[in-house]
């Protein structure tokens, strides 16, 4: 339903390119320390547990991106909500990242549960969901990688 999509919030004919920069240091272990602007992020594996795994950070990026895009679309729609709870689970066959041919080293599927705290009618929540899923960069990266996405939107009355 492309006629249900919100109009762009920028001039569609003018490029709005941006560069994102992250630098990292790994000292010959599973732990990597990254700098994003003034923020320090750490990733590690479960065994040493000094930070989330890189794939857990991918899921975290998905949830954070959903939160941003929900907010932007809600503002454009004048959609009234007081908060959103988002959960993600993803299945990974660890054989892939350990070199087994024919086994993908990333998610087979990701299940998202998005609970929007609102009293808006269901049709408006459905429109919000369609627009968010159309615009979310991280969700669309997952989709382009052929990760099966199972997304459930739920309304929580306030």
N, C-alpha and C. Protein backbone atom coordinates (compact mmCIF):
# COMPACT_ATOMS: atom_id res chain seq x y z
N UNK A 1 0.84 -1.19 0.00
CA UNK A 1 0.00 0.00 0.00
C UNK A 1 0.88 1.25 0.00
N UNK A 2 1.49 1.56 -1.14
CA UNK A 2 2.36 2.72 -1.20
C UNK A 2 1.59 4.02 -1.04
N UNK A 3 0.28 4.03 -1.31
CA UNK A 3 -0.50 5.25 -1.13
C UNK A 3 -0.70 5.56 0.36
N UNK A 4 -0.37 4.61 1.22
CA UNK A 4 -0.51 4.79 2.66
C UNK A 4 0.79 5.31 3.29
N UNK A 5 1.85 5.42 2.48
CA UNK A 5 3.13 5.87 3.00
C UNK A 5 3.14 7.37 3.19
N UNK A 6 3.81 7.79 4.23
CA UNK A 6 3.95 9.22 4.51
C UNK A 6 4.83 9.87 3.46
N UNK A 7 4.63 11.14 3.16
CA UNK A 7 5.52 11.82 2.22
C UNK A 7 6.91 11.96 2.85
N UNK A 8 7.95 12.02 2.03
CA UNK A 8 9.30 12.18 2.58
C UNK A 8 9.41 13.47 3.39
N UNK A 9 10.28 13.44 4.41
CA UNK A 9 10.49 14.63 5.23
C UNK A 9 11.67 15.47 4.72
N UNK A 10 12.19 15.10 3.56
CA UNK A 10 13.27 15.85 2.90
C UNK A 10 12.90 15.98 1.42
N UNK A 11 13.60 16.87 0.72
CA UNK A 11 13.41 17.01 -0.73
C UNK A 11 13.89 15.72 -1.40
N UNK A 12 12.99 14.98 -2.05
CA UNK A 12 13.38 13.70 -2.64
C UNK A 12 14.37 13.83 -3.80
N UNK A 13 14.53 15.02 -4.35
CA UNK A 13 15.43 15.20 -5.49
C UNK A 13 16.81 15.71 -5.10
N UNK A 14 17.02 16.00 -3.82
CA UNK A 14 18.31 16.49 -3.36
C UNK A 14 18.94 15.44 -2.44
N UNK A 15 20.13 14.97 -2.83
CA UNK A 15 20.80 13.98 -2.00
C UNK A 15 21.08 14.56 -0.63
N UNK A 16 20.93 13.73 0.39
CA UNK A 16 21.21 14.11 1.78
C UNK A 16 22.16 13.07 2.35
N UNK A 17 23.37 13.04 1.80
CA UNK A 17 24.34 12.02 2.15
C UNK A 17 25.00 12.33 3.49
N UNK A 18 25.29 11.30 4.24
CA UNK A 18 25.99 11.45 5.50
C UNK A 18 26.99 10.31 5.66
N UNK A 19 28.07 10.59 6.32
CA UNK A 19 29.09 9.58 6.60
C UNK A 19 29.00 9.21 8.07
N UNK A 20 28.98 7.94 8.38
CA UNK A 20 29.03 7.47 9.76
C UNK A 20 30.41 6.89 9.97
N UNK A 21 31.06 7.24 11.09
CA UNK A 21 32.42 6.77 11.34
C UNK A 21 32.51 6.11 12.70
N UNK A 22 33.13 4.95 12.72
CA UNK A 22 33.41 4.23 13.94
C UNK A 22 34.85 3.75 13.85
N UNK A 23 35.61 3.88 14.93
CA UNK A 23 36.98 3.34 14.97
C UNK A 23 37.05 2.30 16.07
N UNK A 24 37.93 1.33 15.91
CA UNK A 24 37.98 0.23 16.86
C UNK A 24 39.40 -0.24 17.10
N UNK A 25 39.59 -0.88 18.24
CA UNK A 25 40.86 -1.50 18.60
C UNK A 25 40.57 -2.88 19.17
N UNK A 26 41.24 -3.87 18.62
CA UNK A 26 41.16 -5.23 19.12
C UNK A 26 42.57 -5.68 19.45
N UNK A 27 42.77 -6.15 20.66
CA UNK A 27 44.11 -6.54 21.10
C UNK A 27 44.25 -8.06 21.13
N UNK A 28 44.05 -8.67 19.97
CA UNK A 28 44.25 -10.10 19.77
C UNK A 28 43.40 -10.95 20.72
N UNK A 29 42.12 -10.57 20.85
CA UNK A 29 41.19 -11.35 21.67
C UNK A 29 39.80 -11.23 21.04
N UNK A 30 38.79 -11.70 21.72
CA UNK A 30 37.43 -11.57 21.19
C UNK A 30 36.84 -10.20 21.53
N UNK A 31 37.50 -9.43 22.39
CA UNK A 31 37.01 -8.11 22.84
C UNK A 31 37.48 -7.02 21.88
N UNK A 32 36.52 -6.18 21.46
CA UNK A 32 36.83 -5.03 20.61
C UNK A 32 36.25 -3.79 21.27
N UNK A 33 37.06 -2.75 21.36
CA UNK A 33 36.61 -1.47 21.93
C UNK A 33 36.46 -0.50 20.77
N UNK A 34 35.28 0.10 20.67
CA UNK A 34 34.96 1.00 19.56
C UNK A 34 34.65 2.39 20.07
N UNK A 35 34.97 3.38 19.27
CA UNK A 35 34.60 4.77 19.56
C UNK A 35 33.65 5.24 18.47
N UNK A 36 32.50 5.75 18.93
CA UNK A 36 31.51 6.35 18.04
C UNK A 36 31.30 7.76 18.58
N UNK A 37 31.83 8.75 17.86
CA UNK A 37 31.86 10.12 18.35
C UNK A 37 32.49 10.12 19.75
N UNK A 38 31.77 10.48 20.79
CA UNK A 38 32.31 10.50 22.16
C UNK A 38 31.90 9.29 22.97
N UNK A 39 31.41 8.26 22.32
CA UNK A 39 30.86 7.09 23.03
C UNK A 39 31.77 5.88 22.86
N UNK A 40 32.00 5.18 23.94
CA UNK A 40 32.78 3.95 23.91
C UNK A 40 31.83 2.76 23.91
N UNK A 41 32.02 1.87 22.97
CA UNK A 41 31.24 0.63 22.90
C UNK A 41 32.22 -0.54 22.98
N UNK A 42 31.79 -1.59 23.62
CA UNK A 42 32.62 -2.79 23.74
C UNK A 42 31.81 -3.98 23.25
N UNK A 43 32.41 -4.79 22.40
CA UNK A 43 31.78 -6.06 22.04
C UNK A 43 32.72 -7.18 22.43
N UNK A 44 32.14 -8.31 22.72
CA UNK A 44 32.92 -9.47 23.16
C UNK A 44 32.07 -10.70 22.91
N UNK A 45 32.58 -11.83 23.25
CA UNK A 45 31.82 -13.07 23.15
C UNK A 45 31.31 -13.46 24.53
N UNK A 46 30.34 -14.34 24.55
CA UNK A 46 29.70 -14.73 25.81
C UNK A 46 30.69 -15.31 26.82
N UNK A 47 31.69 -16.03 26.35
CA UNK A 47 32.60 -16.71 27.25
C UNK A 47 33.38 -15.72 28.13
N UNK A 48 33.80 -14.60 27.58
CA UNK A 48 34.55 -13.59 28.36
C UNK A 48 33.65 -12.47 28.85
N UNK A 49 32.54 -12.24 28.18
CA UNK A 49 31.41 -11.43 28.67
C UNK A 49 31.76 -10.04 29.19
N UNK A 50 32.58 -9.30 28.43
CA UNK A 50 32.82 -7.90 28.82
C UNK A 50 31.95 -6.95 28.01
N UNK A 51 31.10 -7.49 27.17
CA UNK A 51 30.17 -6.69 26.38
C UNK A 51 29.30 -7.60 25.55
N UNK A 52 28.29 -7.03 24.89
CA UNK A 52 27.44 -7.84 24.03
C UNK A 52 28.24 -8.38 22.85
N UNK A 53 27.78 -9.50 22.31
CA UNK A 53 28.42 -10.03 21.11
C UNK A 53 28.11 -9.11 19.93
N UNK A 54 28.91 -9.18 18.87
CA UNK A 54 28.59 -8.36 17.69
C UNK A 54 27.18 -8.60 17.15
N UNK A 55 26.71 -9.84 17.16
CA UNK A 55 25.35 -10.09 16.67
C UNK A 55 24.30 -9.53 17.63
N UNK A 56 24.57 -9.55 18.93
CA UNK A 56 23.66 -8.89 19.87
C UNK A 56 23.66 -7.38 19.62
N UNK A 57 24.81 -6.83 19.23
CA UNK A 57 24.85 -5.40 18.90
C UNK A 57 24.05 -5.12 17.64
N UNK A 58 24.03 -6.06 16.71
CA UNK A 58 23.19 -5.90 15.51
C UNK A 58 21.72 -5.84 15.90
N UNK A 59 21.30 -6.73 16.79
CA UNK A 59 19.91 -6.68 17.25
C UNK A 59 19.64 -5.38 18.01
N UNK A 60 20.61 -4.94 18.80
CA UNK A 60 20.46 -3.66 19.53
C UNK A 60 20.32 -2.51 18.55
N UNK A 61 21.10 -2.54 17.48
CA UNK A 61 20.99 -1.49 16.45
C UNK A 61 19.62 -1.50 15.81
N UNK A 62 19.09 -2.69 15.57
CA UNK A 62 17.75 -2.79 15.01
C UNK A 62 16.72 -2.16 15.94
N UNK A 63 16.80 -2.47 17.24
CA UNK A 63 15.83 -1.91 18.19
C UNK A 63 15.98 -0.40 18.30
N UNK A 64 17.22 0.08 18.35
CA UNK A 64 17.44 1.52 18.43
C UNK A 64 16.92 2.24 17.20
N UNK A 65 17.17 1.65 16.04
CA UNK A 65 16.71 2.26 14.79
C UNK A 65 15.19 2.27 14.73
N UNK A 66 14.56 1.18 15.14
CA UNK A 66 13.11 1.15 15.18
C UNK A 66 12.58 2.27 16.07
N UNK A 67 13.20 2.47 17.23
CA UNK A 67 12.77 3.53 18.14
C UNK A 67 12.83 4.90 17.50
N UNK A 68 13.92 5.19 16.79
CA UNK A 68 14.07 6.48 16.11
C UNK A 68 13.02 6.65 15.03
N UNK A 69 12.85 5.63 14.20
CA UNK A 69 11.93 5.75 13.06
C UNK A 69 10.48 5.77 13.55
N UNK A 70 10.17 5.03 14.60
CA UNK A 70 8.82 5.12 15.19
C UNK A 70 8.55 6.56 15.60
N UNK A 71 9.52 7.17 16.28
CA UNK A 71 9.35 8.55 16.74
C UNK A 71 9.16 9.51 15.57
N UNK A 72 9.97 9.37 14.54
CA UNK A 72 9.87 10.28 13.37
C UNK A 72 8.53 10.11 12.66
N UNK A 73 8.12 8.88 12.44
CA UNK A 73 6.84 8.64 11.76
C UNK A 73 5.67 9.10 12.62
N UNK A 74 5.75 8.85 13.92
CA UNK A 74 4.68 9.28 14.83
C UNK A 74 4.54 10.80 14.80
N UNK A 75 5.66 11.50 14.80
CA UNK A 75 5.60 12.97 14.73
C UNK A 75 4.94 13.42 13.43
N UNK A 76 5.33 12.79 12.33
CA UNK A 76 4.77 13.17 11.03
C UNK A 76 3.27 12.89 10.95
N UNK A 77 2.84 11.83 11.62
CA UNK A 77 1.42 11.46 11.62
C UNK A 77 0.62 12.14 12.73
N UNK A 78 1.31 12.84 13.62
CA UNK A 78 0.69 13.34 14.84
C UNK A 78 0.03 12.18 15.60
N UNK A 79 0.79 11.10 15.68
CA UNK A 79 0.37 9.88 16.36
C UNK A 79 0.75 10.01 17.82
N UNK A 80 -0.22 9.90 18.70
CA UNK A 80 0.00 10.09 20.13
C UNK A 80 0.37 8.76 20.80
N UNK A 81 1.56 8.72 21.40
CA UNK A 81 1.98 7.53 22.14
C UNK A 81 2.88 7.96 23.28
N UNK A 82 2.95 7.14 24.33
CA UNK A 82 3.77 7.51 25.49
C UNK A 82 5.06 6.70 25.59
N UNK A 83 5.21 5.68 24.78
CA UNK A 83 6.42 4.87 24.80
C UNK A 83 6.27 3.63 23.96
N UNK A 84 7.40 2.95 23.78
CA UNK A 84 7.42 1.72 22.99
C UNK A 84 8.35 0.73 23.70
N UNK A 85 7.91 -0.50 23.82
CA UNK A 85 8.74 -1.59 24.31
C UNK A 85 9.04 -2.49 23.11
N UNK A 86 10.31 -2.78 22.89
CA UNK A 86 10.69 -3.58 21.72
C UNK A 86 11.58 -4.73 22.20
N UNK A 87 11.30 -5.91 21.69
CA UNK A 87 12.11 -7.10 21.98
C UNK A 87 12.53 -7.73 20.67
N UNK A 88 13.73 -8.32 20.66
CA UNK A 88 14.19 -9.02 19.47
C UNK A 88 14.87 -10.32 19.88
N UNK A 89 14.57 -11.35 19.13
CA UNK A 89 15.25 -12.63 19.23
C UNK A 89 15.71 -12.99 17.83
N UNK A 90 16.89 -13.56 17.73
CA UNK A 90 17.39 -13.97 16.43
C UNK A 90 18.08 -15.31 16.51
N UNK A 91 17.86 -16.14 15.50
CA UNK A 91 18.49 -17.45 15.45
C UNK A 91 19.73 -17.41 14.58
N UNK A 92 20.82 -17.95 15.14
CA UNK A 92 22.10 -18.03 14.43
C UNK A 92 22.61 -19.45 14.55
N UNK A 93 23.06 -20.02 13.45
CA UNK A 93 23.75 -21.32 13.49
C UNK A 93 25.23 -21.01 13.58
N UNK A 94 25.82 -21.23 14.75
CA UNK A 94 27.20 -20.84 15.01
C UNK A 94 28.22 -21.57 14.14
N UNK A 95 27.79 -22.60 13.46
CA UNK A 95 28.72 -23.27 12.54
C UNK A 95 29.16 -22.35 11.42
N UNK A 96 28.26 -21.42 11.03
CA UNK A 96 28.58 -20.51 9.92
C UNK A 96 29.79 -19.64 10.20
N UNK A 97 29.83 -19.02 11.40
CA UNK A 97 30.96 -18.15 11.74
C UNK A 97 32.21 -18.94 12.09
N UNK A 98 32.08 -20.26 12.15
CA UNK A 98 33.24 -21.11 12.43
C UNK A 98 33.70 -21.85 11.18
N UNK A 99 33.19 -21.41 10.02
CA UNK A 99 33.74 -21.86 8.75
C UNK A 99 33.06 -23.01 8.05
N UNK A 100 31.91 -23.47 8.54
CA UNK A 100 31.23 -24.57 7.86
C UNK A 100 30.57 -24.04 6.59
N UNK A 101 31.01 -24.57 5.45
CA UNK A 101 30.46 -24.12 4.18
C UNK A 101 28.99 -24.44 4.07
N UNK A 102 28.25 -23.52 3.45
CA UNK A 102 26.82 -23.71 3.25
C UNK A 102 25.97 -23.29 4.43
N UNK A 103 26.62 -22.86 5.54
CA UNK A 103 25.87 -22.39 6.70
C UNK A 103 26.13 -20.89 6.82
N UNK A 104 25.08 -20.10 6.75
CA UNK A 104 25.27 -18.65 6.79
C UNK A 104 25.76 -18.21 8.17
N UNK A 105 26.67 -17.24 8.20
CA UNK A 105 27.26 -16.82 9.48
C UNK A 105 26.47 -15.73 10.20
N UNK A 106 25.28 -15.47 9.75
CA UNK A 106 24.45 -14.44 10.37
C UNK A 106 23.06 -15.00 10.61
N UNK A 107 22.14 -14.15 10.99
CA UNK A 107 20.81 -14.59 11.42
C UNK A 107 20.04 -15.34 10.32
N UNK A 108 19.41 -16.43 10.74
CA UNK A 108 18.44 -17.11 9.87
C UNK A 108 17.12 -16.36 9.92
N UNK A 109 16.73 -16.00 11.14
CA UNK A 109 15.49 -15.25 11.33
C UNK A 109 15.64 -14.33 12.54
N UNK A 110 14.81 -13.29 12.52
CA UNK A 110 14.71 -12.37 13.65
C UNK A 110 13.23 -12.17 13.93
N UNK A 111 12.88 -12.28 15.21
CA UNK A 111 11.50 -12.06 15.64
C UNK A 111 11.48 -10.77 16.46
N UNK A 112 10.65 -9.83 16.04
CA UNK A 112 10.51 -8.55 16.74
C UNK A 112 9.11 -8.45 17.34
N UNK A 113 9.06 -7.98 18.56
CA UNK A 113 7.77 -7.69 19.19
C UNK A 113 7.81 -6.22 19.59
N UNK A 114 6.91 -5.44 19.01
CA UNK A 114 6.86 -4.00 19.24
C UNK A 114 5.55 -3.68 19.92
N UNK A 115 5.64 -3.17 21.14
CA UNK A 115 4.45 -2.84 21.94
C UNK A 115 4.38 -1.32 22.08
N UNK A 116 3.40 -0.72 21.44
CA UNK A 116 3.25 0.74 21.44
C UNK A 116 2.20 1.12 22.47
N UNK A 117 2.59 1.99 23.39
CA UNK A 117 1.67 2.47 24.43
C UNK A 117 0.89 3.66 23.86
N UNK A 118 -0.36 3.40 23.51
CA UNK A 118 -1.16 4.42 22.83
C UNK A 118 -2.65 4.11 22.97
N UNK A 119 -3.44 5.13 22.78
CA UNK A 119 -4.88 4.96 22.67
C UNK A 119 -5.36 5.24 21.25
N UNK A 120 -4.44 5.36 20.32
CA UNK A 120 -4.80 5.58 18.92
C UNK A 120 -5.56 4.36 18.39
N UNK A 121 -6.43 4.56 17.39
CA UNK A 121 -7.15 3.42 16.81
C UNK A 121 -6.20 2.48 16.05
N UNK A 122 -6.62 1.24 15.90
CA UNK A 122 -5.79 0.20 15.28
C UNK A 122 -5.35 0.57 13.86
N UNK A 123 -6.23 1.19 13.08
CA UNK A 123 -5.85 1.54 11.71
C UNK A 123 -4.69 2.53 11.69
N UNK A 124 -4.61 3.42 12.66
CA UNK A 124 -3.49 4.37 12.73
C UNK A 124 -2.21 3.65 13.17
N UNK A 125 -2.33 2.69 14.08
CA UNK A 125 -1.16 1.90 14.46
C UNK A 125 -0.66 1.10 13.27
N UNK A 126 -1.58 0.53 12.50
CA UNK A 126 -1.20 -0.23 11.31
C UNK A 126 -0.47 0.66 10.30
N UNK A 127 -0.92 1.88 10.14
CA UNK A 127 -0.26 2.81 9.22
C UNK A 127 1.13 3.19 9.74
N UNK A 128 1.22 3.42 11.03
CA UNK A 128 2.53 3.70 11.63
C UNK A 128 3.48 2.54 11.36
N UNK A 129 3.02 1.33 11.59
CA UNK A 129 3.86 0.14 11.39
C UNK A 129 4.33 0.04 9.95
N UNK A 130 3.44 0.23 8.99
CA UNK A 130 3.83 0.14 7.57
C UNK A 130 4.90 1.17 7.24
N UNK A 131 4.76 2.37 7.74
CA UNK A 131 5.72 3.42 7.45
C UNK A 131 7.07 3.16 8.12
N UNK A 132 7.04 2.70 9.36
CA UNK A 132 8.28 2.39 10.07
C UNK A 132 9.03 1.27 9.35
N UNK A 133 8.34 0.22 8.99
CA UNK A 133 8.99 -0.90 8.33
C UNK A 133 9.52 -0.52 6.94
N UNK A 134 8.87 0.42 6.30
CA UNK A 134 9.35 0.91 5.01
C UNK A 134 10.62 1.76 5.16
N UNK A 135 10.71 2.54 6.25
CA UNK A 135 11.80 3.51 6.40
C UNK A 135 12.99 3.04 7.22
N UNK A 136 12.84 2.08 8.09
CA UNK A 136 13.90 1.72 9.03
C UNK A 136 15.13 1.17 8.30
N UNK A 137 16.27 1.89 8.33
CA UNK A 137 17.46 1.43 7.61
C UNK A 137 17.97 0.07 8.08
N UNK A 138 18.00 -0.16 9.38
CA UNK A 138 18.55 -1.42 9.87
C UNK A 138 17.63 -2.59 9.54
N UNK A 139 16.32 -2.37 9.70
CA UNK A 139 15.39 -3.44 9.32
C UNK A 139 15.55 -3.79 7.85
N UNK A 140 15.75 -2.80 7.01
CA UNK A 140 15.89 -3.06 5.59
C UNK A 140 17.23 -3.70 5.24
N UNK A 141 18.28 -3.47 6.05
CA UNK A 141 19.53 -4.22 5.88
C UNK A 141 19.29 -5.70 6.15
N UNK A 142 18.59 -6.01 7.25
CA UNK A 142 18.26 -7.40 7.56
C UNK A 142 17.45 -8.01 6.42
N UNK A 143 16.45 -7.28 5.95
CA UNK A 143 15.59 -7.78 4.89
C UNK A 143 16.40 -8.05 3.61
N UNK A 144 17.32 -7.13 3.28
CA UNK A 144 18.14 -7.30 2.08
C UNK A 144 19.10 -8.49 2.20
N UNK A 145 19.43 -8.87 3.43
CA UNK A 145 20.29 -10.03 3.66
C UNK A 145 19.47 -11.32 3.72
N UNK A 146 18.21 -11.25 3.36
CA UNK A 146 17.31 -12.40 3.36
C UNK A 146 17.13 -13.03 4.74
N UNK A 147 17.21 -12.19 5.77
CA UNK A 147 16.87 -12.65 7.12
C UNK A 147 15.35 -12.64 7.20
N UNK A 148 14.77 -13.73 7.61
CA UNK A 148 13.32 -13.80 7.76
C UNK A 148 12.93 -12.95 8.97
N UNK A 149 12.09 -11.96 8.73
CA UNK A 149 11.64 -11.07 9.80
C UNK A 149 10.19 -11.39 10.15
N UNK A 150 9.99 -11.65 11.42
CA UNK A 150 8.64 -11.88 11.95
C UNK A 150 8.38 -10.73 12.92
N UNK A 151 7.59 -9.76 12.48
CA UNK A 151 7.37 -8.54 13.25
C UNK A 151 5.93 -8.48 13.73
N UNK A 152 5.77 -8.35 15.05
CA UNK A 152 4.45 -8.23 15.65
C UNK A 152 4.32 -6.86 16.29
N UNK A 153 3.30 -6.12 15.89
CA UNK A 153 2.98 -4.83 16.49
C UNK A 153 1.78 -5.03 17.41
N UNK A 154 1.86 -4.47 18.59
CA UNK A 154 0.80 -4.63 19.57
C UNK A 154 0.52 -3.27 20.21
N UNK A 155 -0.75 -3.03 20.44
CA UNK A 155 -1.16 -1.79 21.10
C UNK A 155 -1.37 -2.07 22.57
N UNK A 156 -0.79 -1.20 23.41
CA UNK A 156 -1.00 -1.28 24.86
C UNK A 156 -1.74 0.00 25.24
N UNK A 157 -2.98 -0.15 25.66
CA UNK A 157 -3.79 1.02 26.02
C UNK A 157 -3.18 1.73 27.22
N UNK A 158 -3.19 3.06 27.14
CA UNK A 158 -2.61 3.84 28.23
C UNK A 158 -3.69 4.42 29.13
